[in-house]
């Protein structure tokens, strides 16, 4: 509880932000398709009275830029959500909404092992959180025998807070820590609706239940991709058949995904058909590696 209260206190701190303009190497993606547009992350920032230098950028896509900063004492992750307009349409309100959602989720889970701690704000659309040494999960990556059981317990604790993670379909959203334990670090689209906003009404509880069931289904899929030897034959066979609520969610989101890919493919044809998630840099590297 002491650690949780400390995280809650630190989350209200501010950081000094001095944006650079076009000081990074030229991008292959048009600036309008990146969260910061023509702006780039500063080489040095002040967070909680300490100076940090930029070490690397993990990902820079339409919605957010995620970067690693460090000093002699520690490393932190800085995530800045959308600030730039798109075809002249202001979208900084989207960035403020996204960072508010994610900070709310991290505060609700501040005492849950396996979730990074929130440290500070970073401008109106950004935040600073704990850095965890490890590497993203990927198909075929061998994990410790107790990894998936720990991951299941972590997701259960998130569900117990009235939340759903939602984004477990992507292997890379799960981190294999250097300590062999699982971590979840991206809560941008997680379901977290407070009771005062109707989170305990019948429709909201039903949607939350479906999303939580989807989390459990994707847990089995993740285990199939990394440790199929741990699954019973009938469970392994069942993992290839999507439950109706997962198929329903896919059908609802599929049109938006197709429209987004079509638009991005036309505006940025060099990325059309490319493998990997758009905006992710060095996704196969060990996080923190030079």
Protein backbone atom coordinates (compact mmCIF):
# COMPACT_ATOMS: atom_id res chain seq x y z
CA UNK A 1 0.00 0.00 0.00
CA UNK A 2 2.95 2.35 0.66
CA UNK A 3 4.06 1.90 -2.93
CA UNK A 4 0.54 2.52 -4.23
CA UNK A 5 0.18 5.76 -2.26
CA UNK A 6 3.58 6.89 -3.54
CA UNK A 7 2.54 6.25 -7.12
CA UNK A 8 -0.70 8.17 -6.58
CA UNK A 9 1.22 11.13 -5.19
CA UNK A 10 3.80 11.12 -7.98
CA UNK A 11 1.13 10.98 -10.67
CA UNK A 12 0.15 14.57 -9.88
CA UNK A 13 3.66 15.91 -10.57
CA UNK A 14 4.43 17.91 -13.71
CA UNK A 15 7.34 17.61 -16.11
CA UNK A 16 9.11 20.32 -18.05
CA UNK A 17 8.52 19.94 -21.79
CA UNK A 18 10.48 21.84 -24.47
CA UNK A 19 9.44 20.49 -27.86
CA UNK A 20 11.88 20.32 -30.75
CA UNK A 21 10.88 20.90 -34.37
CA UNK A 22 12.35 18.63 -37.05
CA UNK A 23 15.50 17.75 -35.11
CA UNK A 24 15.17 13.99 -35.60
CA UNK A 25 16.16 12.07 -38.76
CA UNK A 26 13.64 12.22 -41.61
CA UNK A 27 10.73 9.80 -41.27
CA UNK A 28 9.36 7.44 -43.86
CA UNK A 29 5.83 8.22 -42.64
CA UNK A 30 4.21 11.59 -43.48
CA UNK A 31 4.10 13.89 -40.46
CA UNK A 32 0.29 14.14 -40.59
CA UNK A 33 0.15 10.41 -39.73
CA UNK A 34 2.20 10.77 -36.57
CA UNK A 35 0.98 11.86 -33.15
CA UNK A 36 3.33 14.84 -32.91
CA UNK A 37 3.26 15.90 -36.55
CA UNK A 38 6.41 17.91 -37.28
CA UNK A 39 7.32 18.08 -33.61
CA UNK A 40 9.75 15.62 -32.08
CA UNK A 41 10.66 14.65 -28.56
CA UNK A 42 13.20 16.85 -26.75
CA UNK A 43 16.68 15.47 -26.12
CA UNK A 44 16.40 16.27 -22.40
CA UNK A 45 13.42 16.71 -20.06
CA UNK A 46 12.96 17.53 -16.38
CA UNK A 47 10.70 15.15 -14.46
CA UNK A 48 10.11 15.58 -10.73
CA UNK A 49 13.15 17.85 -10.49
CA UNK A 50 15.50 15.38 -12.21
CA UNK A 51 16.93 15.66 -15.71
CA UNK A 52 16.52 12.77 -18.17
CA UNK A 53 17.96 12.29 -21.64
CA UNK A 54 16.23 10.63 -24.59
CA UNK A 55 17.56 7.14 -25.23
CA UNK A 56 15.25 5.74 -27.91
CA UNK A 57 11.78 5.92 -29.42
CA UNK A 58 9.84 2.66 -29.23
CA UNK A 59 6.86 3.63 -31.35
CA UNK A 60 5.42 6.65 -33.14
CA UNK A 61 2.08 6.12 -34.84
CA UNK A 62 -1.09 8.11 -35.48
CA UNK A 63 -2.26 8.11 -31.87
CA UNK A 64 0.87 8.22 -29.69
CA UNK A 65 4.63 8.36 -29.39
CA UNK A 66 6.32 6.20 -26.77
CA UNK A 67 9.95 6.85 -25.80
CA UNK A 68 12.54 5.82 -23.23
CA UNK A 69 14.31 8.44 -21.12
CA UNK A 70 17.02 7.80 -18.55
CA UNK A 71 19.46 9.34 -16.09
CA UNK A 72 22.06 7.83 -13.78
CA UNK A 73 19.40 6.67 -11.29
CA UNK A 74 16.60 5.22 -13.40
CA UNK A 75 14.77 4.88 -16.71
CA UNK A 76 11.22 6.02 -17.42
CA UNK A 77 8.78 5.69 -20.30
CA UNK A 78 7.25 8.87 -21.70
CA UNK A 79 4.08 8.47 -23.76
CA UNK A 80 2.62 11.45 -25.62
CA UNK A 81 -0.78 11.05 -27.24
CA UNK A 82 -2.05 12.84 -30.33
CA UNK A 83 -1.19 16.55 -30.48
CA UNK A 84 -1.04 17.30 -34.21
CA UNK A 85 -4.01 18.18 -36.44
CA UNK A 86 -5.04 15.92 -39.31
CA UNK A 87 -5.79 17.71 -42.60
CA UNK A 88 -6.29 20.86 -40.54
CA UNK A 89 -8.71 19.24 -38.07
CA UNK A 90 -7.53 19.74 -34.45
CA UNK A 91 -7.08 16.40 -32.69
CA UNK A 92 -5.35 17.38 -29.45
CA UNK A 93 -8.68 16.72 -27.71
CA UNK A 94 -8.29 13.06 -28.72
CA UNK A 95 -4.85 13.00 -27.10
CA UNK A 96 -6.18 14.55 -23.88
CA UNK A 97 -9.03 12.02 -23.77
CA UNK A 98 -6.70 9.06 -24.38
CA UNK A 99 -4.18 10.07 -21.74
CA UNK A 100 -6.97 10.71 -19.23
CA UNK A 101 -8.32 7.19 -19.83
CA UNK A 102 -4.92 5.55 -19.48
CA UNK A 103 -3.94 7.49 -16.35
CA UNK A 104 -7.28 6.59 -14.79
CA UNK A 105 -6.64 2.89 -15.49
CA UNK A 106 -3.09 3.00 -14.09
CA UNK A 107 -4.30 4.72 -10.92
CA UNK A 108 -6.99 2.08 -10.40
CA UNK A 109 -4.31 -0.62 -10.73
CA UNK A 110 -1.55 1.18 -8.82
CA UNK A 111 -1.12 -1.66 -6.31
CA UNK A 112 -1.35 -4.53 -8.81
CA UNK A 113 1.89 -6.37 -9.47
CA UNK A 114 2.56 -6.55 -13.20
CA UNK A 115 1.24 -3.06 -14.03
CA UNK A 116 3.72 -0.14 -14.37
CA UNK A 117 3.44 2.76 -11.93
CA UNK A 118 2.30 6.19 -13.06
CA UNK A 119 4.87 8.88 -12.17
CA UNK A 120 3.92 12.24 -13.70
CA UNK A 121 2.08 14.21 -16.34
CA UNK A 122 3.95 15.20 -19.51
CA UNK A 123 2.24 18.15 -21.10
CA UNK A 124 -1.51 18.15 -21.78
CA UNK A 125 -1.56 14.84 -23.69
CA UNK A 126 1.31 12.90 -22.13
CA UNK A 127 2.37 10.94 -19.08
CA UNK A 128 5.46 9.39 -17.50
CA UNK A 129 5.34 5.82 -16.22
CA UNK A 130 7.60 3.16 -14.80
CA UNK A 131 10.01 1.40 -17.17
CA UNK A 132 10.18 -2.38 -16.94
CA UNK A 133 13.11 -4.33 -18.37
CA UNK A 134 12.02 -7.08 -20.72
CA UNK A 135 10.88 -7.88 -24.23
CA UNK A 136 7.49 -8.04 -25.95
CA UNK A 137 5.88 -11.44 -26.20
CA UNK A 138 5.93 -12.98 -29.69
CA UNK A 139 4.82 -16.17 -31.33
CA UNK A 140 7.21 -19.02 -30.59
CA UNK A 141 9.00 -17.21 -27.77
CA UNK A 142 9.65 -19.69 -24.96
CA UNK A 143 8.43 -18.42 -21.59
CA UNK A 144 8.87 -19.88 -18.08
CA UNK A 145 6.55 -22.65 -16.97
CA UNK A 146 4.62 -20.37 -14.60
CA UNK A 147 4.41 -17.41 -16.99
CA UNK A 148 0.87 -17.97 -18.26
CA UNK A 149 -0.48 -18.82 -14.82
CA UNK A 150 0.95 -15.53 -13.54
CA UNK A 151 -0.50 -13.69 -16.54
CA UNK A 152 -3.91 -15.25 -15.87
CA UNK A 153 -3.79 -14.10 -12.24
CA UNK A 154 -2.79 -10.61 -13.37
CA UNK A 155 -5.76 -10.38 -15.73
CA UNK A 156 -8.04 -11.74 -12.99
CA UNK A 157 -6.94 -8.91 -10.69
CA UNK A 158 -7.66 -6.37 -13.43
CA UNK A 159 -11.12 -7.88 -13.88
CA UNK A 160 -11.70 -7.75 -10.13
CA UNK A 161 -11.33 -3.94 -10.34
CA UNK A 162 -14.29 -3.80 -12.71
CA UNK A 163 -12.09 -3.47 -15.80
CA UNK A 164 -11.20 -5.38 -18.97
CA UNK A 165 -7.84 -5.16 -20.73
CA UNK A 166 -9.38 -5.62 -24.24
CA UNK A 167 -6.08 -5.60 -26.20
CA UNK A 168 -4.65 -9.06 -25.44
CA UNK A 169 -5.03 -10.14 -29.05
CA UNK A 170 -1.65 -8.52 -29.74
CA UNK A 171 1.26 -10.53 -28.38
CA UNK A 172 3.42 -7.41 -28.15
CA UNK A 173 1.12 -5.86 -25.54
CA UNK A 174 2.39 -8.45 -23.06
CA UNK A 175 5.92 -7.97 -21.74
CA UNK A 176 8.17 -10.84 -20.67
CA UNK A 177 10.20 -9.21 -17.92
CA UNK A 178 13.85 -10.05 -17.36
CA UNK A 179 12.61 -11.56 -14.11
CA UNK A 180 10.51 -14.03 -16.14
CA UNK A 181 7.20 -12.48 -15.06
CA UNK A 182 4.42 -11.04 -17.25
CA UNK A 183 3.61 -7.33 -17.41
CA UNK A 184 0.82 -5.37 -19.12
CA UNK A 185 1.71 -1.80 -20.00
CA UNK A 186 -0.67 -0.41 -22.65
CA UNK A 187 -4.09 0.49 -21.21
CA UNK A 188 -5.10 2.97 -23.91
CA UNK A 189 -8.23 1.07 -25.00
CA UNK A 190 -8.95 -0.85 -21.80
CA UNK A 191 -12.52 -0.85 -20.47
CA UNK A 192 -12.73 1.18 -17.27
CA UNK A 193 -16.08 2.88 -16.75
CA UNK A 194 -16.65 4.31 -13.23
CA UNK A 195 -19.96 3.72 -11.48
CA UNK A 196 -20.71 7.46 -11.48
CA UNK A 197 -20.71 7.32 -15.28
CA UNK A 198 -23.04 4.35 -15.42
CA UNK A 199 -20.40 1.64 -15.17
CA UNK A 200 -22.63 -0.52 -12.95
CA UNK A 201 -25.79 -0.26 -15.03
CA UNK A 202 -27.01 -3.43 -16.72
CA UNK A 203 -25.81 -2.57 -20.28
CA UNK A 204 -22.35 -1.50 -19.06
CA UNK A 205 -21.95 -4.60 -16.88
CA UNK A 206 -22.96 -6.84 -19.80
CA UNK A 207 -20.45 -5.20 -22.14
CA UNK A 208 -17.75 -5.49 -19.48
CA UNK A 209 -18.54 -9.18 -19.03
CA UNK A 210 -18.21 -9.82 -22.79
CA UNK A 211 -14.90 -7.96 -22.92
CA UNK A 212 -13.59 -9.86 -19.89
CA UNK A 213 -14.59 -13.14 -21.52
CA UNK A 214 -12.68 -11.98 -24.59
CA UNK A 215 -9.61 -11.39 -22.40
CA UNK A 216 -9.82 -14.97 -21.14
CA UNK A 217 -10.15 -16.35 -24.66
CA UNK A 218 -7.08 -14.41 -25.81
CA UNK A 219 -5.12 -15.66 -22.81
CA UNK A 220 -5.52 -19.17 -24.17
CA UNK A 221 -4.49 -17.99 -27.64
CA UNK A 222 -1.34 -16.41 -26.21
CA UNK A 223 -0.52 -19.66 -24.44
CA UNK A 224 -1.12 -21.58 -27.68
CA UNK A 225 1.36 -19.30 -29.46
CA UNK A 226 4.11 -19.64 -26.86
CA UNK A 227 3.54 -22.74 -24.71
CA UNK A 228 1.09 -25.07 -26.51
CA UNK A 229 2.67 -27.97 -24.63
CA UNK A 230 0.87 -26.76 -21.48
CA UNK A 231 -2.63 -27.00 -22.98
CA UNK A 232 -4.85 -30.05 -22.91
CA UNK A 233 -5.75 -31.33 -26.41
CA UNK A 234 -9.40 -30.29 -26.07
CA UNK A 235 -8.44 -26.79 -24.86
CA UNK A 236 -5.94 -26.44 -27.68
CA UNK A 237 -8.59 -27.44 -30.25
CA UNK A 238 -11.17 -25.07 -28.73
CA UNK A 239 -8.74 -22.13 -28.94
CA UNK A 240 -9.06 -22.17 -32.74
CA UNK A 241 -12.80 -21.43 -32.53
CA UNK A 242 -13.68 -17.85 -31.63
CA UNK A 243 -16.60 -17.44 -29.19
CA UNK A 244 -19.56 -15.47 -30.50
CA UNK A 245 -18.72 -12.37 -28.43
CA UNK A 246 -15.19 -12.25 -29.89
CA UNK A 247 -16.60 -12.62 -33.42
CA UNK A 248 -19.16 -9.90 -32.66
CA UNK A 249 -16.46 -7.52 -31.42
CA UNK A 250 -14.38 -8.23 -34.54
CA UNK A 251 -17.35 -7.50 -36.81
CA UNK A 252 -18.05 -4.21 -35.04
CA UNK A 253 -14.46 -3.00 -35.22
CA UNK A 254 -13.56 -4.49 -38.62
CA UNK A 255 -15.14 -1.72 -40.76
CA UNK A 256 -13.26 0.98 -38.83
CA UNK A 257 -10.02 -0.99 -39.19
CA UNK A 258 -10.51 -1.39 -42.95
CA UNK A 259 -11.30 2.31 -43.40
CA UNK A 260 -8.24 3.29 -41.35
CA UNK A 261 -5.96 0.96 -43.30
CA UNK A 262 -7.34 2.19 -46.63
CA UNK A 263 -6.80 5.84 -45.73
CA UNK A 264 -3.33 5.24 -44.32
CA UNK A 265 -2.42 3.05 -47.28
CA UNK A 266 -3.35 5.82 -49.75
CA UNK A 267 -1.65 8.60 -47.81
CA UNK A 268 1.41 6.49 -46.93
CA UNK A 269 1.68 3.84 -49.69
CA UNK A 270 5.23 2.92 -48.68
CA UNK A 271 3.80 1.17 -45.62
CA UNK A 272 1.01 -0.64 -47.48
CA UNK A 273 1.37 -4.37 -47.02
CA UNK A 274 4.38 -4.03 -44.73
CA UNK A 275 4.72 -6.48 -41.90
CA UNK A 276 4.45 -5.39 -38.30
CA UNK A 277 2.43 -2.68 -36.63
CA UNK A 278 2.61 0.75 -38.22
CA UNK A 279 4.73 3.15 -36.19
CA UNK A 280 6.47 0.50 -34.09
CA UNK A 281 10.26 0.74 -34.17
CA UNK A 282 12.57 -2.22 -33.51
CA UNK A 283 9.69 -4.23 -32.10
CA UNK A 284 11.78 -7.42 -32.00
CA UNK A 285 14.56 -5.88 -29.96
CA UNK A 286 14.98 -6.24 -26.22
CA UNK A 287 13.42 -3.17 -24.67
CA UNK A 288 16.21 -0.99 -23.39
CA UNK A 289 18.82 -2.49 -25.69
CA UNK A 290 21.05 -0.05 -27.55
